[in-house]
């Protein structure tokens, strides 16, 4: 993975070149224009890929003020699909594991 790839992954979503394109876009940007321009772009999730259009098709936003507002809409609409296995943490397990470790 290159530094560019690492910089385009946020909260379990790999934005790829879309991240830079959103940053250089002119805002405010309508929902319709966003989907027209970028709807076919792929977002990589933990369990596969999906298009921006699929993620945001049910979004009620009419206008985006900046790239951050687009990213926030994506995070909200993707939800748990961006996370791999539920209730799994790469930070050391769950609280049940910690209790059993203390009793040993």
PDB file of N, CA and C in Angstrom:
ATOM      1  N   UNK A   1       0.840  -1.175   0.000  1.00  0.00           N
ATOM      2  CA  UNK A   1       0.000   0.000   0.000  1.00  0.00           C
ATOM      3  C   UNK A   1       0.891   1.245   0.000  1.00  0.00           C
ATOM      4  N   UNK A   2       0.594   2.199  -0.872  1.00  0.00           N
ATOM      5  CA  UNK A   2       1.376   3.421  -0.938  1.00  0.00           C
ATOM      6  C   UNK A   2       0.860   4.425   0.066  1.00  0.00           C
ATOM      7  N   UNK A   3       1.642   5.496   0.310  1.00  0.00           N
ATOM      8  CA  UNK A   3       1.178   6.550   1.206  1.00  0.00           C
ATOM      9  C   UNK A   3      -0.095   7.180   0.698  1.00  0.00           C
ATOM     10  N   UNK A   4      -0.222   7.308  -0.631  1.00  0.00           N
ATOM     11  CA  UNK A   4      -1.430   7.883  -1.205  1.00  0.00           C
ATOM     12  C   UNK A   4      -2.646   7.025  -0.864  1.00  0.00           C
ATOM     13  N   UNK A   5      -2.503   5.699  -0.942  1.00  0.00           N
ATOM     14  CA  UNK A   5      -3.595   4.797  -0.599  1.00  0.00           C
ATOM     15  C   UNK A   5      -3.956   4.929   0.871  1.00  0.00           C
ATOM     16  N   UNK A   6      -2.966   5.003   1.739  1.00  0.00           N
ATOM     17  CA  UNK A   6      -3.219   5.122   3.166  1.00  0.00           C
ATOM     18  C   UNK A   6      -3.949   6.415   3.480  1.00  0.00           C
ATOM     19  N   UNK A   7      -3.639   7.476   2.765  1.00  0.00           N
ATOM     20  CA  UNK A   7      -4.271   8.765   3.003  1.00  0.00           C
ATOM     21  C   UNK A   7      -5.715   8.817   2.525  1.00  0.00           C
ATOM     22  N   UNK A   8      -6.142   7.911   1.637  1.00  0.00           N
ATOM     23  CA  UNK A   8      -7.493   7.956   1.115  1.00  0.00           C
ATOM     24  C   UNK A   8      -8.429   6.981   1.829  1.00  0.00           C
ATOM     25  N   UNK A   9      -7.966   6.315   2.878  1.00  0.00           N
ATOM     26  CA  UNK A   9      -8.821   5.420   3.672  1.00  0.00           C
ATOM     27  C   UNK A   9      -9.216   6.146   4.953  1.00  0.00           C
ATOM     28  N   UNK A  10     -10.521   6.211   5.171  1.00  0.00           N
ATOM     29  CA  UNK A  10     -11.051   6.819   6.387  1.00  0.00           C
ATOM     30  C   UNK A  10     -12.173   5.953   6.919  1.00  0.00           C
ATOM     31  N   UNK A  11     -12.180   5.706   8.203  1.00  0.00           N
ATOM     32  CA  UNK A  11     -13.227   4.967   8.889  1.00  0.00           C
ATOM     33  C   UNK A  11     -13.642   3.707   8.136  1.00  0.00           C
ATOM     34  N   UNK A  12     -12.654   2.969   7.643  1.00  0.00           N
ATOM     35  CA  UNK A  12     -12.918   1.706   6.978  1.00  0.00           C
ATOM     36  C   UNK A  12     -13.314   1.810   5.522  1.00  0.00           C
ATOM     37  N   UNK A  13     -13.286   3.006   4.948  1.00  0.00           N
ATOM     38  CA  UNK A  13     -13.659   3.205   3.552  1.00  0.00           C
ATOM     39  C   UNK A  13     -12.446   3.687   2.772  1.00  0.00           C
ATOM     40  N   UNK A  14     -12.134   2.982   1.692  1.00  0.00           N
ATOM     41  CA  UNK A  14     -11.058   3.410   0.801  1.00  0.00           C
ATOM     42  C   UNK A  14     -11.676   4.261  -0.298  1.00  0.00           C
ATOM     43  N   UNK A  15     -11.358   5.555  -0.288  1.00  0.00           N
ATOM     44  CA  UNK A  15     -11.916   6.495  -1.258  1.00  0.00           C
ATOM     45  C   UNK A  15     -11.132   6.509  -2.566  1.00  0.00           C
ATOM     46  N   UNK A  16      -9.871   6.140  -2.538  1.00  0.00           N
ATOM     47  CA  UNK A  16      -9.045   6.179  -3.738  1.00  0.00           C
ATOM     48  C   UNK A  16      -8.949   7.598  -4.289  1.00  0.00           C
ATOM     49  N   UNK A  17      -8.960   7.715  -5.611  1.00  0.00           N
ATOM     50  CA  UNK A  17      -8.831   9.013  -6.276  1.00  0.00           C
ATOM     51  C   UNK A  17     -10.019   9.922  -6.009  1.00  0.00           C
ATOM     52  N   UNK A  18     -11.140   9.364  -5.583  1.00  0.00           N
ATOM     53  CA  UNK A  18     -12.320  10.169  -5.289  1.00  0.00           C
ATOM     54  C   UNK A  18     -12.046  11.190  -4.189  1.00  0.00           C
ATOM     55  N   UNK A  19     -11.208  10.840  -3.215  1.00  0.00           N
ATOM     56  CA  UNK A  19     -10.896  11.760  -2.118  1.00  0.00           C
ATOM     57  C   UNK A  19     -10.314  13.065  -2.654  1.00  0.00           C
ATOM     58  N   UNK A  20      -9.354  12.962  -3.538  1.00  0.00           N
ATOM     59  CA  UNK A  20      -8.727  14.151  -4.112  1.00  0.00           C
ATOM     60  C   UNK A  20      -9.698  14.911  -5.017  1.00  0.00           C
ATOM     61  N   UNK A  21     -10.498  14.172  -5.770  1.00  0.00           N
ATOM     62  CA  UNK A  21     -11.479  14.815  -6.655  1.00  0.00           C
ATOM     63  C   UNK A  21     -12.504  15.614  -5.860  1.00  0.00           C
ATOM     64  N   UNK A  22     -12.942  15.074  -4.726  1.00  0.00           N
ATOM     65  CA  UNK A  22     -13.900  15.799  -3.887  1.00  0.00           C
ATOM     66  C   UNK A  22     -13.278  17.055  -3.299  1.00  0.00           C
ATOM     67  N   UNK A  23     -12.001  16.971  -2.928  1.00  0.00           N
ATOM     68  CA  UNK A  23     -11.309  18.139  -2.375  1.00  0.00           C
ATOM     69  C   UNK A  23     -11.172  19.256  -3.401  1.00  0.00           C
ATOM     70  N   UNK A  24     -10.999  18.901  -4.673  1.00  0.00           N
ATOM     71  CA  UNK A  24     -10.797  19.922  -5.702  1.00  0.00           C
ATOM     72  C   UNK A  24     -12.103  20.371  -6.356  1.00  0.00           C
ATOM     73  N   UNK A  25     -13.221  19.800  -5.948  1.00  0.00           N
ATOM     74  CA  UNK A  25     -14.533  20.142  -6.496  1.00  0.00           C
ATOM     75  C   UNK A  25     -14.953  21.546  -6.059  1.00  0.00           C
ATOM     76  N   UNK A  26     -15.832  22.168  -6.821  1.00  0.00           N
ATOM     77  CA  UNK A  26     -16.388  23.480  -6.486  1.00  0.00           C
ATOM     78  C   UNK A  26     -17.675  23.276  -5.680  1.00  0.00           C
ATOM     79  N   UNK A  27     -17.770  23.938  -4.556  1.00  0.00           N
ATOM     80  CA  UNK A  27     -18.923  23.817  -3.662  1.00  0.00           C
ATOM     81  C   UNK A  27     -19.584  25.176  -3.511  1.00  0.00           C
ATOM     82  N   UNK A  28     -20.883  25.213  -3.172  1.00  0.00           N
ATOM     83  CA  UNK A  28     -21.737  24.078  -2.855  1.00  0.00           C
ATOM     84  C   UNK A  28     -22.012  23.224  -4.092  1.00  0.00           C
ATOM     85  N   UNK A  29     -22.306  21.946  -3.839  1.00  0.00           N
ATOM     86  CA  UNK A  29     -22.523  20.961  -4.889  1.00  0.00           C
ATOM     87  C   UNK A  29     -23.852  20.268  -4.621  1.00  0.00           C
ATOM     88  N   UNK A  30     -24.723  20.232  -5.616  1.00  0.00           N
ATOM     89  CA  UNK A  30     -26.020  19.579  -5.417  1.00  0.00           C
ATOM     90  C   UNK A  30     -25.855  18.064  -5.366  1.00  0.00           C
ATOM     91  N   UNK A  31     -26.794  17.421  -4.711  1.00  0.00           N
ATOM     92  CA  UNK A  31     -26.803  15.957  -4.611  1.00  0.00           C
ATOM     93  C   UNK A  31     -26.864  15.337  -6.005  1.00  0.00           C
ATOM     94  N   UNK A  32     -27.701  15.890  -6.849  1.00  0.00           N
ATOM     95  CA  UNK A  32     -27.849  15.373  -8.212  1.00  0.00           C
ATOM     96  C   UNK A  32     -26.542  15.486  -8.989  1.00  0.00           C
ATOM     97  N   UNK A  33     -25.887  16.628  -8.873  1.00  0.00           N
ATOM     98  CA  UNK A  33     -24.622  16.838  -9.587  1.00  0.00           C
ATOM     99  C   UNK A  33     -23.537  15.902  -9.048  1.00  0.00           C
ATOM    100  N   UNK A  34     -23.488  15.712  -7.740  1.00  0.00           N
ATOM    101  CA  UNK A  34     -22.516  14.793  -7.132  1.00  0.00           C
ATOM    102  C   UNK A  34     -22.681  13.396  -7.723  1.00  0.00           C
ATOM    103  N   UNK A  35     -23.919  12.907  -7.764  1.00  0.00           N
ATOM    104  CA  UNK A  35     -24.157  11.563  -8.289  1.00  0.00           C
ATOM    105  C   UNK A  35     -23.911  11.496  -9.791  1.00  0.00           C
ATOM    106  N   UNK A  36     -24.247  12.553 -10.499  1.00  0.00           N
ATOM    107  CA  UNK A  36     -24.001  12.595 -11.944  1.00  0.00           C
ATOM    108  C   UNK A  36     -22.508  12.538 -12.249  1.00  0.00           C
ATOM    109  N   UNK A  37     -21.745  13.303 -11.482  1.00  0.00           N
ATOM    110  CA  UNK A  37     -20.303  13.408 -11.715  1.00  0.00           C
ATOM    111  C   UNK A  37     -19.518  12.213 -11.169  1.00  0.00           C
ATOM    112  N   UNK A  38     -19.898  11.721  -9.978  1.00  0.00           N
ATOM    113  CA  UNK A  38     -19.084  10.726  -9.275  1.00  0.00           C
ATOM    114  C   UNK A  38     -19.830   9.447  -8.888  1.00  0.00           C
ATOM    115  N   UNK A  39     -21.079   9.318  -9.242  1.00  0.00           N
ATOM    116  CA  UNK A  39     -21.905   8.188  -8.806  1.00  0.00           C
ATOM    117  C   UNK A  39     -21.371   6.814  -9.156  1.00  0.00           C
ATOM    118  N   UNK A  40     -20.604   6.714 -10.242  1.00  0.00           N
ATOM    119  CA  UNK A  40     -20.076   5.408 -10.645  1.00  0.00           C
ATOM    120  C   UNK A  40     -18.726   5.083 -10.011  1.00  0.00           C
ATOM    121  N   UNK A  41     -18.185   5.991  -9.215  1.00  0.00           N
ATOM    122  CA  UNK A  41     -16.897   5.756  -8.543  1.00  0.00           C
ATOM    123  C   UNK A  41     -17.058   4.691  -7.473  1.00  0.00           C
ATOM    124  N   UNK A  42     -16.060   3.827  -7.371  1.00  0.00           N
ATOM    125  CA  UNK A  42     -16.093   2.728  -6.416  1.00  0.00           C
ATOM    126  C   UNK A  42     -15.478   3.114  -5.071  1.00  0.00           C
ATOM    127  N   UNK A  43     -16.125   2.688  -4.000  1.00  0.00           N
ATOM    128  CA  UNK A  43     -15.616   2.806  -2.638  1.00  0.00           C
ATOM    129  C   UNK A  43     -15.313   1.389  -2.171  1.00  0.00           C
ATOM    130  N   UNK A  44     -14.137   1.190  -1.623  1.00  0.00           N
ATOM    131  CA  UNK A  44     -13.752  -0.138  -1.145  1.00  0.00           C
ATOM    132  C   UNK A  44     -14.073  -0.240   0.336  1.00  0.00           C
ATOM    133  N   UNK A  45     -14.879  -1.246   0.688  1.00  0.00           N
ATOM    134  CA  UNK A  45     -15.253  -1.501   2.072  1.00  0.00           C
ATOM    135  C   UNK A  45     -14.570  -2.779   2.535  1.00  0.00           C
ATOM    136  N   UNK A  46     -14.699  -3.100   3.790  1.00  0.00           N
ATOM    137  CA  UNK A  46     -14.065  -4.304   4.332  1.00  0.00           C
ATOM    138  C   UNK A  46     -14.571  -5.569   3.648  1.00  0.00           C
ATOM    139  N   UNK A  47     -15.841  -5.568   3.241  1.00  0.00           N
ATOM    140  CA  UNK A  47     -16.419  -6.778   2.654  1.00  0.00           C
ATOM    141  C   UNK A  47     -16.659  -6.676   1.153  1.00  0.00           C
ATOM    142  N   UNK A  48     -16.000  -5.724   0.489  1.00  0.00           N
ATOM    143  CA  UNK A  48     -16.149  -5.606  -0.957  1.00  0.00           C
ATOM    144  C   UNK A  48     -16.204  -4.163  -1.408  1.00  0.00           C
ATOM    145  N   UNK A  49     -16.729  -3.969  -2.597  1.00  0.00           N
ATOM    146  CA  UNK A  49     -16.818  -2.632  -3.168  1.00  0.00           C
ATOM    147  C   UNK A  49     -18.268  -2.263  -3.418  1.00  0.00           C
ATOM    148  N   UNK A  50     -18.529  -0.974  -3.441  1.00  0.00           N
ATOM    149  CA  UNK A  50     -19.838  -0.440  -3.790  1.00  0.00           C
ATOM    150  C   UNK A  50     -19.613   0.909  -4.448  1.00  0.00           C
ATOM    151  N   UNK A  51     -20.567   1.353  -5.213  1.00  0.00           N
ATOM    152  CA  UNK A  51     -20.404   2.645  -5.874  1.00  0.00           C
ATOM    153  C   UNK A  51     -20.909   3.769  -4.977  1.00  0.00           C
ATOM    154  N   UNK A  52     -20.393   4.950  -5.212  1.00  0.00           N
ATOM    155  CA  UNK A  52     -20.851   6.126  -4.473  1.00  0.00           C
ATOM    156  C   UNK A  52     -22.343   6.303  -4.686  1.00  0.00           C
ATOM    157  N   UNK A  53     -22.819   6.076  -5.910  1.00  0.00           N
ATOM    158  CA  UNK A  53     -24.248   6.192  -6.210  1.00  0.00           C
ATOM    159  C   UNK A  53     -25.101   5.261  -5.374  1.00  0.00           C
ATOM    160  N   UNK A  54     -24.657   4.017  -5.196  1.00  0.00           N
ATOM    161  CA  UNK A  54     -25.386   3.055  -4.374  1.00  0.00           C
ATOM    162  C   UNK A  54     -25.437   3.502  -2.918  1.00  0.00           C
ATOM    163  N   UNK A  55     -24.327   4.029  -2.432  1.00  0.00           N
ATOM    164  CA  UNK A  55     -24.257   4.456  -1.033  1.00  0.00           C
ATOM    165  C   UNK A  55     -25.167   5.657  -0.779  1.00  0.00           C
ATOM    166  N   UNK A  56     -25.141   6.624  -1.677  1.00  0.00           N
ATOM    167  CA  UNK A  56     -25.857   7.877  -1.440  1.00  0.00           C
ATOM    168  C   UNK A  56     -27.220   7.989  -2.112  1.00  0.00           C
ATOM    169  N   UNK A  57     -27.699   6.922  -2.781  1.00  0.00           N
ATOM    170  CA  UNK A  57     -28.966   7.026  -3.485  1.00  0.00           C
ATOM    171  C   UNK A  57     -30.127   7.378  -2.563  1.00  0.00           C
ATOM    172  N   UNK A  58     -30.135   6.924  -1.325  1.00  0.00           N
ATOM    173  CA  UNK A  58     -31.226   7.193  -0.399  1.00  0.00           C
ATOM    174  C   UNK A  58     -30.971   8.424   0.473  1.00  0.00           C
ATOM    175  N   UNK A  59     -29.834   9.074   0.301  1.00  0.00           N
ATOM    176  CA  UNK A  59     -29.483  10.260   1.088  1.00  0.00           C
ATOM    177  C   UNK A  59     -30.454  11.388   0.771  1.00  0.00           C
ATOM    178  N   UNK A  60     -30.880  12.118   1.791  1.00  0.00           N
ATOM    179  CA  UNK A  60     -31.836  13.208   1.628  1.00  0.00           C
ATOM    180  C   UNK A  60     -31.184  14.573   1.461  1.00  0.00           C
ATOM    181  N   UNK A  61     -29.867  14.598   1.475  1.00  0.00           N
ATOM    182  CA  UNK A  61     -29.134  15.867   1.346  1.00  0.00           C
ATOM    183  C   UNK A  61     -29.423  16.469  -0.024  1.00  0.00           C
ATOM    184  N   UNK A  62     -29.684  17.766  -0.066  1.00  0.00           N
ATOM    185  CA  UNK A  62     -29.925  18.418  -1.349  1.00  0.00           C
ATOM    186  C   UNK A  62     -28.696  19.147  -1.850  1.00  0.00           C
ATOM    187  N   UNK A  63     -27.807  19.517  -0.902  1.00  0.00           N
ATOM    188  CA  UNK A  63     -26.610  20.257  -1.289  1.00  0.00           C
ATOM    189  C   UNK A  63     -25.498  19.989  -0.282  1.00  0.00           C
ATOM    190  N   UNK A  64     -24.283  19.887  -0.784  1.00  0.00           N
ATOM    191  CA  UNK A  64     -23.107  19.654   0.051  1.00  0.00           C
ATOM    192  C   UNK A  64     -22.274  20.922   0.068  1.00  0.00           C
ATOM    193  N   UNK A  65     -21.856  21.345   1.246  1.00  0.00           N
ATOM    194  CA  UNK A  65     -21.107  22.596   1.418  1.00  0.00           C
ATOM    195  C   UNK A  65     -19.624  22.448   1.127  1.00  0.00           C
ATOM    196  N   UNK A  66     -19.096  21.235   1.325  1.00  0.00           N
ATOM    197  CA  UNK A  66     -17.662  20.998   1.125  1.00  0.00           C
ATOM    198  C   UNK A  66     -17.407  19.498   1.064  1.00  0.00           C
ATOM    199  N   UNK A  67     -16.154  19.131   0.814  1.00  0.00           N
ATOM    200  CA  UNK A  67     -15.796  17.717   0.702  1.00  0.00           C
ATOM    201  C   UNK A  67     -16.075  16.973   2.006  1.00  0.00           C
ATOM    202  N   UNK A  68     -15.881  17.624   3.126  1.00  0.00           N
ATOM    203  CA  UNK A  68     -16.131  16.986   4.425  1.00  0.00           C
ATOM    204  C   UNK A  68     -17.604  16.611   4.576  1.00  0.00           C
ATOM    205  N   UNK A  69     -18.522  17.447   4.113  1.00  0.00           N
ATOM    206  CA  UNK A  69     -19.946  17.111   4.222  1.00  0.00           C
ATOM    207  C   UNK A  69     -20.292  15.921   3.335  1.00  0.00           C
ATOM    208  N   UNK A  70     -19.626  15.759   2.201  1.00  0.00           N
ATOM    209  CA  UNK A  70     -19.826  14.578   1.347  1.00  0.00           C
ATOM    210  C   UNK A  70     -19.306  13.341   2.082  1.00  0.00           C
ATOM    211  N   UNK A  71     -18.108  13.416   2.648  1.00  0.00           N
ATOM    212  CA  UNK A  71     -17.550  12.273   3.391  1.00  0.00           C
ATOM    213  C   UNK A  71     -18.440  11.882   4.561  1.00  0.00           C
ATOM    214  N   UNK A  72     -18.954  12.859   5.291  1.00  0.00           N
ATOM    215  CA  UNK A  72     -19.825  12.558   6.427  1.00  0.00           C
ATOM    216  C   UNK A  72     -21.106  11.858   5.986  1.00  0.00           C
ATOM    217  N   UNK A  73     -21.662  12.285   4.862  1.00  0.00           N
ATOM    218  CA  UNK A  73     -22.858  11.617   4.323  1.00  0.00           C
ATOM    219  C   UNK A  73     -22.534  10.171   3.966  1.00  0.00           C
ATOM    220  N   UNK A  74     -21.374   9.946   3.377  1.00  0.00           N
ATOM    221  CA  UNK A  74     -20.952   8.584   3.019  1.00  0.00           C
ATOM    222  C   UNK A  74     -20.795   7.737   4.278  1.00  0.00           C
ATOM    223  N   UNK A  75     -20.128   8.263   5.301  1.00  0.00           N
ATOM    224  CA  UNK A  75     -19.934   7.517   6.545  1.00  0.00           C
ATOM    225  C   UNK A  75     -21.282   7.123   7.158  1.00  0.00           C
ATOM    226  N   UNK A  76     -22.223   8.046   7.155  1.00  0.00           N
ATOM    227  CA  UNK A  76     -23.542   7.776   7.745  1.00  0.00           C
ATOM    228  C   UNK A  76     -24.304   6.716   6.958  1.00  0.00           C
ATOM    229  N   UNK A  77     -24.227   6.770   5.639  1.00  0.00           N
ATOM    230  CA  UNK A  77     -25.008   5.860   4.810  1.00  0.00           C
ATOM    231  C   UNK A  77     -24.371   4.476   4.700  1.00  0.00           C
ATOM    232  N   UNK A  78     -23.060   4.384   4.812  1.00  0.00           N
ATOM    233  CA  UNK A  78     -22.390   3.087   4.735  1.00  0.00           C
ATOM    234  C   UNK A  78     -22.599   2.316   6.025  1.00  0.00           C
ATOM    235  N   UNK A  79     -22.513   2.978   7.161  1.00  0.00           N
ATOM    236  CA  UNK A  79     -22.729   2.341   8.450  1.00  0.00           C
ATOM    237  C   UNK A  79     -21.779   1.191   8.710  1.00  0.00           C
ATOM    238  N   UNK A  80     -22.312   0.064   9.166  1.00  0.00           N
ATOM    239  CA  UNK A  80     -21.522  -1.094   9.550  1.00  0.00           C
ATOM    240  C   UNK A  80     -20.878  -1.829   8.398  1.00  0.00           C
ATOM    241  N   UNK A  81     -21.271  -1.523   7.151  1.00  0.00           N
ATOM    242  CA  UNK A  81     -20.670  -2.210   6.002  1.00  0.00           C
ATOM    243  C   UNK A  81     -19.185  -1.903   5.851  1.00  0.00           C
ATOM    244  N   UNK A  82     -18.740  -0.772   6.383  1.00  0.00           N
ATOM    245  CA  UNK A  82     -17.334  -0.391   6.248  1.00  0.00           C
ATOM    246  C   UNK A  82     -16.453  -1.073   7.265  1.00  0.00           C
ATOM    247  N   UNK A  83     -17.061  -1.657   8.261  1.00  0.00           N
ATOM    248  CA  UNK A  83     -16.293  -2.203   9.390  1.00  0.00           C
ATOM    249  C   UNK A  83     -16.032  -3.663   9.169  1.00  0.00           C
ATOM    250  N   UNK A  84     -15.647  -4.496   8.917  1.00  0.00           N
ATOM    251  CA  UNK A  84     -15.529  -5.912   8.774  1.00  0.00           C
ATOM    252  C   UNK A  84     -16.421  -6.656   9.718  1.00  0.00           C
ATOM    253  N   UNK A  85     -15.841  -7.468  10.545  1.00  0.00           N
ATOM    254  CA  UNK A  85     -16.613  -8.267  11.493  1.00  0.00           C
ATOM    255  C   UNK A  85     -17.130  -7.387  12.617  1.00  0.00           C
ATOM    256  N   UNK A  86     -18.426  -7.579  12.940  1.00  0.00           N
ATOM    257  CA  UNK A  86     -19.008  -6.789  14.019  1.00  0.00           C
ATOM    258  C   UNK A  86     -18.454  -7.220  15.371  1.00  0.00           C
ATOM    259  N   UNK A  87     -18.409  -6.282  16.289  1.00  0.00           N
ATOM    260  CA  UNK A  87     -17.928  -6.498  17.653  1.00  0.00           C
ATOM    261  C   UNK A  87     -16.504  -7.042  17.687  1.00  0.00           C
ATOM    262  N   UNK A  88     -15.729  -6.713  16.671  1.00  0.00           N
ATOM    263  CA  UNK A  88     -14.335  -7.112  16.629  1.00  0.00           C
ATOM    264  C   UNK A  88     -13.490  -5.858  16.671  1.00  0.00           C
ATOM    265  N   UNK A  89     -12.465  -5.867  17.455  1.00  0.00           N
ATOM    266  CA  UNK A  89     -11.602  -4.704  17.540  1.00  0.00           C
ATOM    267  C   UNK A  89     -10.156  -5.131  17.370  1.00  0.00           C
ATOM    268  N   UNK A  90      -9.423  -4.366  16.577  1.00  0.00           N
ATOM    269  CA  UNK A  90      -8.006  -4.674  16.437  1.00  0.00           C
ATOM    270  C   UNK A  90      -7.203  -4.050  17.561  1.00  0.00           C
ATOM    271  N   UNK A  91      -7.896  -3.551  18.564  1.00  0.00           N
ATOM    272  CA  UNK A  91      -7.222  -2.928  19.699  1.00  0.00           C
ATOM    273  C   UNK A  91      -7.100  -3.862  20.882  1.00  0.00           C
ATOM    274  N   UNK A  92      -7.427  -5.129  20.740  1.00  0.00           N
ATOM    275  CA  UNK A  92      -7.146  -6.038  21.837  1.00  0.00           C
ATOM    276  C   UNK A  92      -8.297  -6.876  22.330  1.00  0.00           C
ATOM    277  N   UNK A  93      -9.379  -7.017  21.609  1.00  0.00           N
ATOM    278  CA  UNK A  93     -10.454  -7.899  22.034  1.00  0.00           C
ATOM    279  C   UNK A  93     -11.553  -7.174  22.765  1.00  0.00           C
ATOM    280  N   UNK A  94     -12.503  -7.957  23.307  1.00  0.00           N
ATOM    281  CA  UNK A  94     -13.627  -7.343  24.003  1.00  0.00           C
ATOM    282  C   UNK A  94     -13.448  -7.455  25.510  1.00  0.00           C
ATOM    283  N   UNK A  95     -14.366  -6.858  26.251  1.00  0.00           N
ATOM    284  CA  UNK A  95     -14.227  -6.816  27.706  1.00  0.00           C
ATOM    285  C   UNK A  95     -14.299  -8.208  28.326  1.00  0.00           C
ATOM    286  N   UNK A  96     -14.998  -9.165  27.689  1.00  0.00           N
ATOM    287  CA  UNK A  96     -15.052 -10.529  28.194  1.00  0.00           C
ATOM    288  C   UNK A  96     -13.698 -11.189  28.204  1.00  0.00           C
ATOM    289  N   UNK A  97     -12.888 -10.902  27.200  1.00  0.00           N
ATOM    290  CA  UNK A  97     -11.539 -11.445  27.134  1.00  0.00           C
ATOM    291  C   UNK A  97     -10.677 -10.918  28.269  1.00  0.00           C
ATOM    292  N   UNK A  98     -10.862  -9.656  28.587  1.00  0.00           N
ATOM    293  CA  UNK A  98     -10.055  -9.042  29.640  1.00  0.00           C
ATOM    294  C   UNK A  98     -10.372  -9.646  31.001  1.00  0.00           C
ATOM    295  N   UNK A  99     -11.672  -9.946  31.243  1.00  0.00           N
ATOM    296  CA  UNK A  99     -12.046 -10.535  32.524  1.00  0.00           C
ATOM    297  C   UNK A  99     -11.420 -11.915  32.679  1.00  0.00           C
ATOM    298  N   UNK A 100     -11.424 -12.725  31.620  1.00  0.00           N
ATOM    299  CA  UNK A 100     -10.862 -14.066  31.737  1.00  0.00           C
ATOM    300  C   UNK A 100      -9.350 -14.019  31.925  1.00  0.00           C
ATOM    301  N   UNK A 101      -8.689 -13.008  31.342  1.00  0.00           N
ATOM    302  CA  UNK A 101      -7.250 -12.859  31.513  1.00  0.00           C
ATOM    303  C   UNK A 101      -6.903 -12.532  32.964  1.00  0.00           C
ATOM    304  N   UNK A 102      -7.750 -11.732  33.615  1.00  0.00           N
ATOM    305  CA  UNK A 102      -7.468 -11.329  35.002  1.00  0.00           C
ATOM    306  C   UNK A 102      -7.625 -12.483  35.970  1.00  0.00           C
ATOM    307  N   UNK A 103      -8.500 -13.456  35.631  1.00  0.00           N
ATOM    308  CA  UNK A 103      -8.737 -14.556  36.557  1.00  0.00           C
ATOM    309  C   UNK A 103      -7.668 -15.656  36.465  1.00  0.00           C
ATOM    310  N   UNK A 104      -6.774 -15.542  35.517  1.00  0.00           N
ATOM    311  CA  UNK A 104      -5.739 -16.570  35.326  1.00  0.00           C
ATOM    312  C   UNK A 104      -4.579 -16.354  36.238  1.00  0.00           C
TER     313      UNK A 104
END
